[in-house]
Protein backbone atom coordinates (compact mmCIF):
# COMPACT_ATOMS: atom_id res chain seq x y z
CA MET A 1 -0.41 19.58 -11.57
CA ASN A 2 -3.54 21.61 -11.04
CA THR A 3 -6.50 20.35 -9.03
CA HIS A 4 -8.54 19.55 -12.12
CA ASP A 5 -5.85 17.22 -13.54
CA HIS A 6 -5.43 15.51 -10.18
CA ARG A 7 -9.12 14.74 -9.95
CA LYS A 8 -9.15 13.38 -13.49
CA LEU A 9 -6.26 10.97 -12.73
CA PHE A 10 -8.26 9.40 -9.92
CA SER A 11 -11.62 9.40 -11.69
CA PRO A 12 -13.20 6.34 -13.36
CA VAL A 13 -12.59 5.63 -17.03
CA GLN A 14 -14.22 3.26 -19.52
CA ILE A 15 -11.82 1.29 -21.77
CA GLY A 16 -13.87 -0.85 -24.11
CA PRO A 17 -15.86 -3.27 -21.94
CA ILE A 18 -13.86 -2.46 -18.80
CA THR A 19 -14.55 0.29 -16.29
CA LEU A 20 -11.56 1.24 -14.16
CA GLY A 21 -11.88 3.05 -10.85
CA HIS A 22 -8.98 5.36 -11.76
CA ARG A 23 -6.54 6.00 -14.59
CA VAL A 24 -3.39 4.60 -12.98
CA VAL A 25 -2.27 1.55 -14.99
CA MET A 26 0.67 -0.77 -14.40
CA ALA A 27 2.60 -1.19 -17.63
CA PRO A 28 4.28 -4.49 -18.49
CA LEU A 29 7.63 -5.06 -16.79
CA THR A 30 10.15 -7.84 -17.36
CA ARG A 31 10.62 -9.87 -14.19
CA SER A 32 12.08 -13.22 -15.35
CA ARG A 33 10.86 -14.96 -12.20
CA SER A 34 8.96 -17.98 -13.57
CA GLN A 35 9.56 -21.47 -12.22
CA GLN A 36 12.14 -23.46 -14.18
CA PRO A 37 12.02 -25.72 -15.96
CA GLY A 38 8.70 -25.01 -17.62
CA ASP A 39 8.30 -21.21 -17.56
CA ILE A 40 5.53 -21.64 -14.98
CA PRO A 41 4.08 -18.55 -13.27
CA ASN A 42 4.70 -19.07 -9.55
CA ASP A 43 4.11 -17.76 -6.03
CA LEU A 44 6.85 -15.13 -6.31
CA MET A 45 5.12 -13.70 -9.38
CA ARG A 46 1.75 -13.85 -7.61
CA GLU A 47 3.20 -11.88 -4.72
CA CYS A 48 4.71 -9.28 -7.05
CA TYR A 49 1.46 -8.66 -8.95
CA THR A 50 -0.66 -8.72 -5.81
CA GLN A 51 1.56 -6.10 -4.13
CA ARG A 52 1.00 -3.80 -7.09
CA ALA A 53 -2.75 -4.31 -7.43
CA SER A 54 -5.06 -1.54 -6.35
CA GLU A 55 -8.81 -1.27 -6.19
CA GLY A 56 -10.09 -0.20 -9.59
CA GLY A 57 -6.63 -0.49 -11.16
CA PHE A 58 -5.43 -2.26 -14.28
CA ILE A 59 -2.32 -4.42 -14.75
CA VAL A 60 -0.69 -5.55 -17.98
CA THR A 61 1.58 -8.53 -17.33
CA GLU A 62 5.17 -8.98 -18.39
CA ALA A 63 6.13 -10.44 -21.77
CA THR A 64 4.67 -13.94 -21.89
CA ASN A 65 5.89 -16.65 -24.25
CA ILE A 66 3.25 -18.09 -26.56
CA SER A 67 5.36 -21.13 -27.49
CA ILE A 68 8.54 -22.84 -26.40
CA THR A 69 10.15 -22.08 -29.77
CA GLY A 70 9.51 -18.35 -29.38
CA ARG A 71 11.29 -17.92 -26.07
CA GLY A 72 13.69 -15.05 -25.72
CA TRP A 73 15.26 -15.52 -22.31
CA LEU A 74 15.24 -17.83 -19.35
CA GLY A 75 12.71 -16.93 -16.70
CA ALA A 76 10.00 -15.35 -18.84
CA PRO A 77 6.65 -17.01 -18.06
CA GLY A 78 4.74 -18.94 -20.68
CA MET A 79 1.12 -19.43 -21.71
CA TYR A 80 1.35 -22.61 -23.76
CA SER A 81 0.99 -25.43 -21.18
CA ASP A 82 -1.67 -26.45 -18.67
CA GLN A 83 0.73 -25.79 -15.77
CA GLN A 84 1.33 -22.26 -17.00
CA VAL A 85 -2.38 -21.56 -17.37
CA GLU A 86 -2.93 -22.79 -13.81
CA GLY A 87 -0.14 -20.52 -12.57
CA TRP A 88 -1.70 -17.49 -14.27
CA LYS A 89 -5.12 -18.39 -12.83
CA LYS A 90 -3.67 -18.19 -9.30
CA ILE A 91 -2.14 -14.80 -10.03
CA THR A 92 -5.36 -13.52 -11.58
CA ALA A 93 -7.43 -14.66 -8.60
CA ALA A 94 -5.06 -12.98 -6.12
CA VAL A 95 -5.11 -9.68 -8.01
CA ARG A 96 -8.88 -9.77 -8.44
CA ALA A 97 -9.23 -10.26 -4.68
CA LYS A 98 -7.87 -6.71 -4.41
CA PHE A 99 -10.54 -5.54 -6.90
CA ALA A 100 -8.06 -4.77 -9.67
CA THR A 101 -8.59 -5.69 -13.33
CA VAL A 102 -6.20 -8.17 -14.87
CA SER A 103 -8.40 -10.54 -16.78
CA ARG A 104 -9.03 -10.95 -20.47
CA LEU A 105 -12.51 -11.50 -21.82
CA ASP A 106 -12.11 -15.29 -21.50
CA GLN A 107 -11.37 -14.85 -17.78
CA THR A 108 -8.47 -17.32 -17.86
CA ALA A 109 -5.44 -15.09 -17.67
CA PRO A 110 -4.28 -11.53 -17.13
CA TYR A 111 -4.00 -9.02 -19.91
CA GLU A 112 -0.68 -10.10 -21.22
CA GLN A 113 2.08 -8.72 -23.31
CA LYS A 114 2.37 -11.86 -25.43
CA PHE A 115 5.43 -12.34 -27.51
CA HIS A 116 7.30 -14.60 -29.86
CA LEU A 117 10.85 -13.68 -30.84
CA ASP A 118 10.53 -15.22 -34.30
CA ARG A 119 13.88 -15.42 -36.09
CA PRO A 120 16.11 -14.43 -33.12
CA SER A 121 14.76 -17.39 -31.13
CA LYS A 122 16.82 -20.14 -32.67
CA PRO A 123 15.76 -23.78 -32.10
CA GLY A 124 19.07 -24.55 -30.39
CA PHE A 125 18.52 -21.75 -27.89
CA SER A 126 15.16 -23.13 -26.73
CA LYS A 127 16.50 -26.69 -26.66
CA HIS A 128 19.19 -25.71 -24.15
CA MET A 129 16.67 -24.01 -21.90
CA VAL A 130 14.41 -27.07 -21.59
CA SER A 131 15.29 -29.93 -19.29
């Protein structure tokens, strides 16, 4: 990499309404570490995201269930209950404390890779995962 490219990687960039301090972004990764039952984002997830936060950086969270009927696997966090929202708020606050960007425009949760498995997520599958 030449010097010019190196400087560009660590220079600020504007993405819509967000200004990042550099161009290094954490892509979504599947962790499957939410608290069960309930798919609740927890302290282990907070630690993971906080360790990866950097000043001026940007994090996209792991695949996050938008409903209990759209779940794909055990351990993926959700964003459809009050407990889950509270869990994400704790993670967001911890990452923001390191001056990284993780919040959506509504300031409630990180930028998320939201998902719903649709047809592959059979009602019986979700029923067995809920206690």
